[in-house]
Amino acid sequence: MVTDDHPLMREGINAVIQGTEDIIVVADADNGQQALDMFRAHRPDVTLMDLRMPIMNGIDAIKAIRTEFPAARFIVLTTYQGDVQALRALKAGAMGYLLKNMIWKDLPESIRAVHAGRRRIPAEIAEALVEHVADDALTEREVEVLRRVALGTANKIIAVELSVSEATIKAHMKNILAKLGANDRTHAVTIAVKRGFLDG
């Protein structure tokens, strides 16, 4: 099953798969909720899942499908290389992670591997995961603070918005800088965006 909110992307994936003899597309979906409904109807062996979609995102869709069908197998398709998103997808139950620019080259082999029960993660994503495996993750509150910093909001205003003292926000920022190895607020936002903390 192919799940992606861009019709052209779905068509491209279908074209790649049509060139194979051993793989067929049994269903298409353009959001996570539709993917859940289609999965119930068609029970595909492998589901290709975009991460960013309306109504229900890919990670929530994987969790929802795996709640009902624990043996379901997923390959996440994304344009995004951040290690945080990859980790979330793998924790949700994805067995493969494929960047959309690799689809034309690697998709059929990735589908076969995941169908056979093997994981498929591109080297650069695996390296990013390993590089940050020992890092302290940002807490939900720290991510909340950083989202506001990314919008250019001052500490004083963030404190008011979150109903805490400015000193608390400064303490959060100090922790964020330390965890991300950032020099300042702007650097912290840049790193957080690159690694995927501010997604989803």
N, C-alpha and C. Protein backbone atom coordinates (compact mmCIF):
# COMPACT_ATOMS: atom_id res chain seq x y z
N MET A 1 0.84 -1.19 0.00
CA MET A 1 0.00 0.00 0.00
C MET A 1 0.88 1.24 0.00
N VAL A 2 0.48 2.23 -0.77
CA VAL A 2 1.24 3.49 -0.87
C VAL A 2 0.45 4.59 -0.17
N THR A 3 1.05 5.23 0.82
CA THR A 3 0.38 6.31 1.54
C THR A 3 1.20 7.59 1.42
N ASP A 4 0.67 8.56 0.68
CA ASP A 4 1.35 9.84 0.50
C ASP A 4 0.29 10.84 0.08
N ASP A 5 0.39 12.08 0.59
CA ASP A 5 -0.66 13.06 0.27
C ASP A 5 -0.43 13.76 -1.07
N HIS A 6 0.67 13.45 -1.76
CA HIS A 6 0.92 14.05 -3.07
C HIS A 6 0.62 13.03 -4.18
N PRO A 7 -0.41 13.30 -5.00
CA PRO A 7 -0.79 12.35 -6.06
C PRO A 7 0.38 12.01 -7.00
N LEU A 8 1.21 13.01 -7.34
CA LEU A 8 2.34 12.75 -8.24
C LEU A 8 3.33 11.78 -7.62
N MET A 9 3.53 11.91 -6.30
CA MET A 9 4.45 11.00 -5.61
C MET A 9 3.89 9.58 -5.66
N ARG A 10 2.59 9.45 -5.40
CA ARG A 10 1.97 8.11 -5.46
C ARG A 10 2.10 7.51 -6.86
N GLU A 11 1.86 8.36 -7.87
CA GLU A 11 1.98 7.88 -9.26
C GLU A 11 3.41 7.42 -9.55
N GLY A 12 4.39 8.20 -9.08
CA GLY A 12 5.79 7.85 -9.31
C GLY A 12 6.15 6.54 -8.65
N ILE A 13 5.68 6.35 -7.42
CA ILE A 13 5.94 5.10 -6.69
C ILE A 13 5.29 3.93 -7.42
N ASN A 14 4.04 4.14 -7.84
CA ASN A 14 3.34 3.08 -8.59
C ASN A 14 4.09 2.71 -9.87
N ALA A 15 4.66 3.72 -10.55
CA ALA A 15 5.42 3.48 -11.79
C ALA A 15 6.66 2.64 -11.50
N VAL A 16 7.35 2.94 -10.39
CA VAL A 16 8.54 2.16 -10.03
C VAL A 16 8.15 0.71 -9.75
N ILE A 17 7.06 0.53 -9.00
CA ILE A 17 6.64 -0.82 -8.61
C ILE A 17 6.11 -1.61 -9.81
N GLN A 18 5.45 -0.93 -10.76
CA GLN A 18 4.93 -1.62 -11.95
C GLN A 18 6.06 -2.27 -12.76
N GLY A 19 7.26 -1.75 -12.59
CA GLY A 19 8.41 -2.31 -13.31
C GLY A 19 8.95 -3.58 -12.68
N THR A 20 8.32 -4.04 -11.60
CA THR A 20 8.79 -5.27 -10.94
C THR A 20 7.78 -6.39 -11.18
N GLU A 21 8.24 -7.61 -11.13
CA GLU A 21 7.34 -8.75 -11.36
C GLU A 21 6.75 -9.29 -10.06
N ASP A 22 7.44 -9.04 -8.95
CA ASP A 22 7.04 -9.69 -7.69
C ASP A 22 6.33 -8.77 -6.70
N ILE A 23 6.07 -7.50 -7.08
CA ILE A 23 5.43 -6.55 -6.16
C ILE A 23 4.24 -5.91 -6.87
N ILE A 24 3.09 -5.85 -6.18
CA ILE A 24 1.94 -5.12 -6.74
C ILE A 24 1.39 -4.17 -5.68
N VAL A 25 0.82 -3.06 -6.15
CA VAL A 25 0.19 -2.09 -5.25
C VAL A 25 -1.28 -2.49 -5.12
N VAL A 26 -1.70 -2.76 -3.87
CA VAL A 26 -3.09 -3.18 -3.66
C VAL A 26 -3.99 -2.03 -3.23
N ALA A 27 -3.38 -0.92 -2.77
CA ALA A 27 -4.19 0.22 -2.31
C ALA A 27 -3.33 1.49 -2.25
N ASP A 28 -4.01 2.62 -2.37
CA ASP A 28 -3.40 3.95 -2.22
C ASP A 28 -4.16 4.70 -1.13
N ALA A 29 -3.45 5.53 -0.39
CA ALA A 29 -4.12 6.39 0.60
C ALA A 29 -3.43 7.75 0.60
N ASP A 30 -4.19 8.82 0.89
CA ASP A 30 -3.55 10.14 0.88
C ASP A 30 -3.48 10.79 2.27
N ASN A 31 -3.86 10.05 3.32
CA ASN A 31 -3.62 10.53 4.68
C ASN A 31 -3.63 9.31 5.62
N GLY A 32 -3.22 9.53 6.85
CA GLY A 32 -3.08 8.42 7.79
C GLY A 32 -4.39 7.72 8.13
N GLN A 33 -5.47 8.48 8.24
CA GLN A 33 -6.77 7.88 8.55
C GLN A 33 -7.22 6.96 7.42
N GLN A 34 -7.04 7.45 6.20
CA GLN A 34 -7.40 6.64 5.03
C GLN A 34 -6.52 5.38 4.97
N ALA A 35 -5.24 5.53 5.36
CA ALA A 35 -4.32 4.39 5.38
C ALA A 35 -4.83 3.30 6.33
N LEU A 36 -5.32 3.73 7.49
CA LEU A 36 -5.87 2.77 8.46
C LEU A 36 -7.07 2.03 7.87
N ASP A 37 -7.97 2.79 7.24
CA ASP A 37 -9.16 2.18 6.62
C ASP A 37 -8.76 1.21 5.49
N MET A 38 -7.83 1.65 4.65
CA MET A 38 -7.37 0.82 3.53
C MET A 38 -6.64 -0.43 4.02
N PHE A 39 -5.89 -0.26 5.12
CA PHE A 39 -5.16 -1.41 5.66
C PHE A 39 -6.15 -2.49 6.12
N ARG A 40 -7.20 -2.04 6.79
CA ARG A 40 -8.23 -2.98 7.25
C ARG A 40 -8.85 -3.75 6.08
N ALA A 41 -9.03 -3.04 4.96
CA ALA A 41 -9.69 -3.64 3.80
C ALA A 41 -8.75 -4.55 3.00
N HIS A 42 -7.47 -4.18 2.90
CA HIS A 42 -6.58 -4.88 1.96
C HIS A 42 -5.46 -5.70 2.62
N ARG A 43 -5.14 -5.42 3.89
CA ARG A 43 -4.07 -6.14 4.60
C ARG A 43 -2.78 -6.29 3.77
N PRO A 44 -2.17 -5.19 3.33
CA PRO A 44 -0.95 -5.30 2.52
C PRO A 44 0.21 -5.90 3.31
N ASP A 45 1.13 -6.55 2.61
CA ASP A 45 2.32 -7.12 3.25
C ASP A 45 3.26 -6.03 3.75
N VAL A 46 3.40 -4.97 2.94
CA VAL A 46 4.28 -3.85 3.29
C VAL A 46 3.53 -2.56 2.97
N THR A 47 3.61 -1.59 3.88
CA THR A 47 2.98 -0.28 3.65
C THR A 47 4.05 0.78 3.56
N LEU A 48 4.01 1.58 2.49
CA LEU A 48 4.90 2.74 2.34
C LEU A 48 4.17 3.92 2.95
N MET A 49 4.82 4.62 3.89
CA MET A 49 4.12 5.64 4.68
C MET A 49 4.89 6.96 4.67
N ASP A 50 4.25 7.99 4.13
CA ASP A 50 4.81 9.34 4.22
C ASP A 50 4.66 9.81 5.67
N LEU A 51 5.55 10.69 6.14
CA LEU A 51 5.44 11.17 7.52
C LEU A 51 4.52 12.37 7.64
N ARG A 52 4.65 13.32 6.73
CA ARG A 52 3.88 14.56 6.84
C ARG A 52 2.65 14.50 5.96
N MET A 53 1.48 14.34 6.61
CA MET A 53 0.22 14.26 5.88
C MET A 53 -0.88 14.93 6.69
N PRO A 54 -1.93 15.39 6.02
CA PRO A 54 -3.06 15.98 6.76
C PRO A 54 -3.87 14.90 7.48
N ILE A 55 -4.77 15.34 8.34
CA ILE A 55 -5.72 14.52 9.10
C ILE A 55 -5.02 13.64 10.13
N MET A 56 -4.14 12.73 9.69
CA MET A 56 -3.35 11.93 10.62
C MET A 56 -1.96 11.74 10.00
N ASN A 57 -0.92 12.10 10.75
CA ASN A 57 0.43 11.97 10.18
C ASN A 57 0.87 10.51 10.14
N GLY A 58 2.01 10.27 9.48
CA GLY A 58 2.48 8.91 9.26
C GLY A 58 2.80 8.15 10.53
N ILE A 59 3.42 8.82 11.50
CA ILE A 59 3.80 8.11 12.73
C ILE A 59 2.56 7.69 13.50
N ASP A 60 1.56 8.58 13.59
CA ASP A 60 0.31 8.22 14.28
C ASP A 60 -0.42 7.10 13.53
N ALA A 61 -0.33 7.13 12.20
CA ALA A 61 -0.98 6.07 11.40
C ALA A 61 -0.31 4.72 11.64
N ILE A 62 1.03 4.72 11.69
CA ILE A 62 1.75 3.46 11.96
C ILE A 62 1.33 2.91 13.32
N LYS A 63 1.28 3.78 14.33
CA LYS A 63 0.88 3.33 15.68
C LYS A 63 -0.54 2.77 15.67
N ALA A 64 -1.45 3.48 14.98
CA ALA A 64 -2.85 3.05 14.94
C ALA A 64 -2.99 1.70 14.24
N ILE A 65 -2.31 1.54 13.12
CA ILE A 65 -2.40 0.28 12.37
C ILE A 65 -1.77 -0.86 13.18
N ARG A 66 -0.63 -0.61 13.80
CA ARG A 66 0.05 -1.67 14.56
C ARG A 66 -0.71 -2.05 15.83
N THR A 67 -1.54 -1.15 16.34
CA THR A 67 -2.38 -1.50 17.49
C THR A 67 -3.35 -2.61 17.10
N GLU A 68 -3.91 -2.50 15.88
CA GLU A 68 -4.85 -3.52 15.39
C GLU A 68 -4.14 -4.70 14.72
N PHE A 69 -3.03 -4.39 14.05
CA PHE A 69 -2.31 -5.42 13.27
C PHE A 69 -0.83 -5.38 13.65
N PRO A 70 -0.46 -6.00 14.76
CA PRO A 70 0.91 -5.90 15.28
C PRO A 70 1.99 -6.39 14.31
N ALA A 71 1.64 -7.24 13.37
CA ALA A 71 2.64 -7.77 12.43
C ALA A 71 2.82 -6.89 11.18
N ALA A 72 2.06 -5.77 11.10
CA ALA A 72 2.15 -4.89 9.92
C ALA A 72 3.57 -4.38 9.74
N ARG A 73 4.01 -4.30 8.48
CA ARG A 73 5.37 -3.85 8.18
C ARG A 73 5.33 -2.55 7.39
N PHE A 74 6.20 -1.62 7.80
CA PHE A 74 6.18 -0.28 7.22
C PHE A 74 7.56 0.16 6.75
N ILE A 75 7.55 0.90 5.65
CA ILE A 75 8.72 1.66 5.22
C ILE A 75 8.28 3.12 5.21
N VAL A 76 8.99 3.95 5.95
CA VAL A 76 8.69 5.38 5.97
C VAL A 76 9.36 6.03 4.77
N LEU A 77 8.59 6.85 4.04
CA LEU A 77 9.13 7.61 2.92
C LEU A 77 9.14 9.07 3.32
N THR A 78 10.27 9.74 3.19
CA THR A 78 10.33 11.13 3.61
C THR A 78 11.41 11.89 2.85
N THR A 79 11.26 13.19 2.81
CA THR A 79 12.30 14.05 2.22
C THR A 79 13.27 14.45 3.32
N TYR A 80 12.95 14.06 4.56
CA TYR A 80 13.59 14.62 5.72
C TYR A 80 14.62 13.68 6.36
N GLN A 81 15.84 14.18 6.58
CA GLN A 81 16.91 13.31 7.08
C GLN A 81 17.12 13.39 8.59
N GLY A 82 16.31 14.15 9.31
CA GLY A 82 16.54 14.34 10.74
C GLY A 82 16.50 13.04 11.54
N ASP A 83 17.44 12.89 12.46
CA ASP A 83 17.51 11.65 13.25
C ASP A 83 16.34 11.52 14.22
N VAL A 84 15.78 12.63 14.68
CA VAL A 84 14.68 12.58 15.65
C VAL A 84 13.44 11.96 15.00
N GLN A 85 13.14 12.40 13.76
CA GLN A 85 11.99 11.83 13.05
C GLN A 85 12.20 10.35 12.75
N ALA A 86 13.43 10.00 12.34
CA ALA A 86 13.73 8.59 12.05
C ALA A 86 13.53 7.75 13.30
N LEU A 87 14.01 8.24 14.43
CA LEU A 87 13.88 7.50 15.68
C LEU A 87 12.42 7.33 16.07
N ARG A 88 11.63 8.40 15.91
CA ARG A 88 10.19 8.31 16.21
C ARG A 88 9.52 7.25 15.33
N ALA A 89 9.87 7.25 14.05
CA ALA A 89 9.26 6.29 13.12
C ALA A 89 9.65 4.87 13.49
N LEU A 90 10.92 4.65 13.82
CA LEU A 90 11.38 3.31 14.18
C LEU A 90 10.74 2.85 15.49
N LYS A 91 10.61 3.77 16.44
CA LYS A 91 9.95 3.43 17.71
C LYS A 91 8.48 3.09 17.50
N ALA A 92 7.86 3.77 16.52
CA ALA A 92 6.44 3.50 16.23
C ALA A 92 6.27 2.13 15.57
N GLY A 93 7.36 1.60 14.98
CA GLY A 93 7.27 0.27 14.38
C GLY A 93 7.71 0.17 12.94
N ALA A 94 8.23 1.26 12.35
CA ALA A 94 8.71 1.18 10.96
C ALA A 94 9.95 0.28 10.90
N MET A 95 10.05 -0.51 9.85
CA MET A 95 11.22 -1.38 9.66
C MET A 95 12.16 -0.82 8.60
N GLY A 96 11.65 0.12 7.82
CA GLY A 96 12.48 0.73 6.79
C GLY A 96 12.28 2.23 6.80
N TYR A 97 13.29 2.94 6.32
CA TYR A 97 13.25 4.40 6.29
C TYR A 97 13.93 4.78 4.99
N LEU A 98 13.21 5.42 4.09
CA LEU A 98 13.77 5.70 2.77
C LEU A 98 13.54 7.16 2.40
N LEU A 99 14.60 7.82 2.00
CA LEU A 99 14.47 9.21 1.54
C LEU A 99 13.85 9.18 0.14
N LYS A 100 12.96 10.14 -0.11
CA LYS A 100 12.21 10.12 -1.37
C LYS A 100 13.14 10.21 -2.59
N ASN A 101 14.29 10.84 -2.44
CA ASN A 101 15.20 10.93 -3.60
C ASN A 101 15.90 9.59 -3.89
N MET A 102 15.68 8.58 -3.02
CA MET A 102 16.28 7.26 -3.24
C MET A 102 15.28 6.26 -3.81
N ILE A 103 14.03 6.68 -3.94
CA ILE A 103 12.96 5.76 -4.33
C ILE A 103 13.26 5.05 -5.65
N TRP A 104 13.69 5.81 -6.65
CA TRP A 104 13.85 5.23 -7.99
C TRP A 104 14.92 4.13 -7.98
N LYS A 105 15.89 4.29 -7.10
CA LYS A 105 17.01 3.35 -7.06
C LYS A 105 16.76 2.20 -6.07
N ASP A 106 16.22 2.52 -4.90
CA ASP A 106 16.23 1.57 -3.78
C ASP A 106 14.87 0.99 -3.36
N LEU A 107 13.78 1.50 -3.92
CA LEU A 107 12.47 1.11 -3.40
C LEU A 107 12.16 -0.40 -3.52
N PRO A 108 12.25 -1.01 -4.71
CA PRO A 108 11.88 -2.44 -4.78
C PRO A 108 12.70 -3.30 -3.82
N GLU A 109 14.01 -3.04 -3.74
CA GLU A 109 14.86 -3.85 -2.87
C GLU A 109 14.49 -3.63 -1.40
N SER A 110 14.14 -2.40 -1.05
CA SER A 110 13.72 -2.10 0.33
C SER A 110 12.43 -2.82 0.68
N ILE A 111 11.49 -2.84 -0.25
CA ILE A 111 10.21 -3.55 -0.03
C ILE A 111 10.48 -5.04 0.19
N ARG A 112 11.33 -5.62 -0.66
CA ARG A 112 11.64 -7.05 -0.53
C ARG A 112 12.30 -7.35 0.82
N ALA A 113 13.23 -6.48 1.23
CA ALA A 113 13.95 -6.69 2.49
C ALA A 113 13.00 -6.64 3.68
N VAL A 114 12.14 -5.62 3.72
CA VAL A 114 11.20 -5.46 4.84
C VAL A 114 10.18 -6.60 4.83
N HIS A 115 9.75 -7.00 3.65
CA HIS A 115 8.83 -8.15 3.55
C HIS A 115 9.46 -9.41 4.12
N ALA A 116 10.78 -9.53 3.95
CA ALA A 116 11.50 -10.70 4.47
C ALA A 116 11.85 -10.55 5.96
N GLY A 117 11.45 -9.42 6.55
CA GLY A 117 11.67 -9.24 7.98
C GLY A 117 12.97 -8.53 8.34
N ARG A 118 13.64 -7.93 7.33
CA ARG A 118 14.89 -7.21 7.60
C ARG A 118 14.64 -5.71 7.66
N ARG A 119 15.47 -5.02 8.45
CA ARG A 119 15.39 -3.55 8.51
C ARG A 119 16.16 -2.94 7.33
N ARG A 120 15.68 -1.80 6.83
CA ARG A 120 16.39 -1.08 5.78
C ARG A 120 16.46 0.39 6.17
N ILE A 121 17.65 0.84 6.54
CA ILE A 121 17.85 2.24 6.93
C ILE A 121 19.08 2.77 6.18
N PRO A 122 18.93 3.86 5.42
CA PRO A 122 20.07 4.38 4.66
C PRO A 122 21.24 4.72 5.58
N ALA A 123 22.45 4.56 5.06
CA ALA A 123 23.67 4.76 5.86
C ALA A 123 23.71 6.13 6.54
N GLU A 124 23.34 7.19 5.81
CA GLU A 124 23.46 8.52 6.42
C GLU A 124 22.50 8.72 7.59
N ILE A 125 21.32 8.07 7.51
CA ILE A 125 20.37 8.17 8.63
C ILE A 125 20.85 7.31 9.79
N ALA A 126 21.35 6.13 9.48
CA ALA A 126 21.91 5.26 10.53
C ALA A 126 23.05 5.97 11.26
N GLU A 127 23.89 6.67 10.49
CA GLU A 127 25.01 7.41 11.11
C GLU A 127 24.49 8.51 12.03
N ALA A 128 23.46 9.25 11.59
CA ALA A 128 22.89 10.32 12.41
C ALA A 128 22.29 9.75 13.70
N LEU A 129 21.62 8.58 13.58
CA LEU A 129 21.05 7.93 14.76
C LEU A 129 22.15 7.55 15.75
N VAL A 130 23.21 6.95 15.23
CA VAL A 130 24.32 6.51 16.09
C VAL A 130 25.01 7.72 16.73
N GLU A 131 25.19 8.77 15.93
CA GLU A 131 25.88 9.97 16.41
C GLU A 131 25.17 10.58 17.63
N HIS A 132 23.84 10.50 17.63
CA HIS A 132 23.07 11.17 18.69
C HIS A 132 22.48 10.20 19.70
N VAL A 133 22.82 8.90 19.62
CA VAL A 133 22.18 7.90 20.47
C VAL A 133 22.41 8.16 21.96
N ALA A 134 23.56 8.74 22.30
CA ALA A 134 23.87 8.97 23.71
C ALA A 134 23.41 10.36 24.18
N ASP A 135 22.92 11.19 23.25
CA ASP A 135 22.49 12.54 23.63
C ASP A 135 21.27 12.48 24.54
N ASP A 136 21.16 13.48 25.40
CA ASP A 136 19.93 13.63 26.18
C ASP A 136 18.87 14.21 25.25
N ALA A 137 17.72 13.59 25.20
CA ALA A 137 16.64 14.11 24.36
C ALA A 137 16.06 15.36 25.02
N LEU A 138 15.55 16.25 24.18
CA LEU A 138 14.86 17.42 24.73
C LEU A 138 13.52 16.98 25.31
N THR A 139 13.15 17.57 26.44
CA THR A 139 11.83 17.27 27.03
C THR A 139 10.75 17.97 26.20
N GLU A 140 9.50 17.56 26.42
CA GLU A 140 8.39 18.20 25.69
C GLU A 140 8.36 19.70 25.98
N ARG A 141 8.61 20.07 27.24
CA ARG A 141 8.60 21.48 27.63
C ARG A 141 9.71 22.25 26.93
N GLU A 142 10.90 21.62 26.83
CA GLU A 142 12.02 22.28 26.15
C GLU A 142 11.71 22.48 24.66
N VAL A 143 11.05 21.50 24.05
CA VAL A 143 10.66 21.64 22.65
C VAL A 143 9.65 22.77 22.50
N GLU A 144 8.72 22.85 23.45
CA GLU A 144 7.71 23.93 23.46
C GLU A 144 8.39 25.30 23.52
N VAL A 145 9.37 25.43 24.41
CA VAL A 145 10.12 26.69 24.54
C VAL A 145 10.84 26.99 23.24
N LEU A 146 11.49 25.98 22.67
CA LEU A 146 12.28 26.16 21.44
C LEU A 146 11.41 26.54 20.26
N ARG A 147 10.19 26.00 20.19
CA ARG A 147 9.26 26.39 19.12
C ARG A 147 9.00 27.90 19.18
N ARG A 148 8.83 28.40 20.39
CA ARG A 148 8.56 29.83 20.55
C ARG A 148 9.80 30.66 20.24
N VAL A 149 10.96 30.15 20.62
CA VAL A 149 12.21 30.84 20.29
C VAL A 149 12.36 30.91 18.77
N ALA A 150 12.00 29.84 18.08
CA ALA A 150 12.10 29.79 16.61
C ALA A 150 11.23 30.86 15.95
N LEU A 151 10.15 31.24 16.64
CA LEU A 151 9.27 32.30 16.11
C LEU A 151 9.78 33.70 16.47
N GLY A 152 10.93 33.75 17.19
CA GLY A 152 11.52 35.03 17.56
C GLY A 152 10.95 35.62 18.84
N THR A 153 10.28 34.80 19.64
CA THR A 153 9.64 35.27 20.88
C THR A 153 10.69 35.43 21.99
N ALA A 154 10.61 36.54 22.71
CA ALA A 154 11.56 36.82 23.80
C ALA A 154 11.24 35.95 25.02
N ASN A 155 12.25 35.70 25.85
CA ASN A 155 12.08 34.88 27.06
C ASN A 155 10.92 35.37 27.93
N LYS A 156 10.85 36.68 28.10
CA LYS A 156 9.82 37.28 28.97
C LYS A 156 8.42 36.92 28.47
N ILE A 157 8.23 36.99 27.15
CA ILE A 157 6.91 36.69 26.57
C ILE A 157 6.64 35.19 26.64
N ILE A 158 7.67 34.37 26.38
CA ILE A 158 7.51 32.91 26.49
C ILE A 158 7.07 32.55 27.91
N ALA A 159 7.69 33.20 28.90
CA ALA A 159 7.35 32.95 30.30
C ALA A 159 5.87 33.23 30.56
N VAL A 160 5.38 34.35 30.02
CA VAL A 160 3.96 34.71 30.19
C VAL A 160 3.07 33.67 29.49
N GLU A 161 3.44 33.30 28.25
CA GLU A 161 2.63 32.34 27.47
C GLU A 161 2.55 30.97 28.16
N LEU A 162 3.65 30.58 28.83
CA LEU A 162 3.68 29.27 29.47
C LEU A 162 3.37 29.33 30.97
N SER A 163 3.04 30.52 31.45
CA SER A 163 2.67 30.75 32.87
C SER A 163 3.77 30.29 33.84
N VAL A 164 5.01 30.65 33.51
CA VAL A 164 6.15 30.38 34.40
C VAL A 164 6.99 31.64 34.52
N SER A 165 8.00 31.61 35.37
CA SER A 165 8.85 32.79 35.52
C SER A 165 9.87 32.87 34.38
N GLU A 166 10.39 34.07 34.17
CA GLU A 166 11.41 34.25 33.14
C GLU A 166 12.66 33.44 33.50
N ALA A 167 12.94 33.31 34.80
CA ALA A 167 14.10 32.52 35.26
C ALA A 167 13.96 31.06 34.83
N THR A 168 12.72 30.55 34.87
CA THR A 168 12.47 29.17 34.45
C THR A 168 12.78 29.00 32.96
N ILE A 169 12.36 29.98 32.16
CA ILE A 169 12.62 29.92 30.72
C ILE A 169 14.13 29.98 30.47
N LYS A 170 14.83 30.84 31.20
CA LYS A 170 16.29 30.94 31.05
C LYS A 170 16.96 29.60 31.40
N ALA A 171 16.44 28.93 32.44
CA ALA A 171 16.98 27.62 32.83
C ALA A 171 16.73 26.59 31.72
N HIS A 172 15.52 26.64 31.15
CA HIS A 172 15.22 25.74 30.01
C HIS A 172 16.19 25.99 28.86
N MET A 173 16.42 27.28 28.56
CA MET A 173 17.31 27.62 27.44
C MET A 173 18.73 27.12 27.71
N LYS A 174 19.16 27.24 28.94
CA LYS A 174 20.51 26.77 29.31
C LYS A 174 20.61 25.26 29.06
N ASN A 175 19.58 24.50 29.47
CA ASN A 175 19.54 23.05 29.24
C ASN A 175 19.51 22.72 27.75
N ILE A 176 18.70 23.46 27.01
CA ILE A 176 18.57 23.23 25.57
C ILE A 176 19.92 23.43 24.88
N LEU A 177 20.61 24.53 25.20
CA LEU A 177 21.91 24.82 24.59
C LEU A 177 22.90 23.71 24.91
N ALA A 178 22.88 23.25 26.16
CA ALA A 178 23.81 22.18 26.57
C ALA A 178 23.50 20.88 25.84
N LYS A 179 22.22 20.50 25.78
CA LYS A 179 21.85 19.23 25.14
C LYS A 179 22.14 19.22 23.64
N LEU A 180 21.94 20.37 23.00
CA LEU A 180 22.14 20.43 21.55
C LEU A 180 23.57 20.81 21.17
N GLY A 181 24.36 21.20 22.17
CA GLY A 181 25.72 21.66 21.87
C GLY A 181 25.70 22.94 21.07
N ALA A 182 24.73 23.80 21.39
CA ALA A 182 24.54 25.05 20.64
C ALA A 182 25.21 26.23 21.34
N ASN A 183 25.62 27.23 20.54
CA ASN A 183 26.30 28.42 21.08
C ASN A 183 25.31 29.47 21.57
N ASP A 184 24.16 29.56 20.89
CA ASP A 184 23.18 30.58 21.25
C ASP A 184 21.79 30.13 20.78
N ARG A 185 20.80 30.99 21.01
CA ARG A 185 19.40 30.65 20.66
C ARG A 185 19.24 30.30 19.18
N THR A 186 19.83 31.12 18.32
CA THR A 186 19.68 30.91 16.88
C THR A 186 20.31 29.58 16.46
N HIS A 187 21.48 29.30 17.01
CA HIS A 187 22.18 28.05 16.72
C HIS A 187 21.34 26.86 17.19
N ALA A 188 20.74 27.00 18.37
CA ALA A 188 19.89 25.94 18.93
C ALA A 188 18.71 25.64 18.00
N VAL A 189 18.08 26.70 17.48
CA VAL A 189 16.94 26.52 16.57
C VAL A 189 17.40 25.83 15.29
N THR A 190 18.55 26.25 14.75
CA THR A 190 19.09 25.65 13.52
C THR A 190 19.32 24.15 13.70
N ILE A 191 19.95 23.78 14.81
CA ILE A 191 20.23 22.36 15.10
C ILE A 191 18.92 21.59 15.27
N ALA A 192 17.99 22.18 16.03
CA ALA A 192 16.71 21.51 16.30
C ALA A 192 15.92 21.26 15.01
N VAL A 193 15.95 22.21 14.09
CA VAL A 193 15.26 22.06 12.81
C VAL A 193 15.93 20.95 12.00
N LYS A 194 17.25 20.98 11.93
CA LYS A 194 18.00 19.99 11.15
C LYS A 194 17.75 18.57 11.66
N ARG A 195 17.69 18.43 12.98
CA ARG A 195 17.54 17.09 13.57
C ARG A 195 16.08 16.64 13.68
N GLY A 196 15.13 17.55 13.46
CA GLY A 196 13.72 17.16 13.44
C GLY A 196 12.97 17.33 14.75
N PHE A 197 13.56 18.04 15.72
CA PHE A 197 12.87 18.23 16.99
C PHE A 197 11.60 19.07 16.85
N LEU A 198 11.58 19.99 15.89
CA LEU A 198 10.45 20.91 15.79
C LEU A 198 9.38 20.40 14.81
N ASP A 199 9.53 19.17 14.33
CA ASP A 199 8.52 18.55 13.46
C ASP A 199 7.52 17.80 14.30
N GLY A 200 6.29 17.78 13.82
CA GLY A 200 5.27 16.91 14.44
C GLY A 200 4.94 17.27 15.85
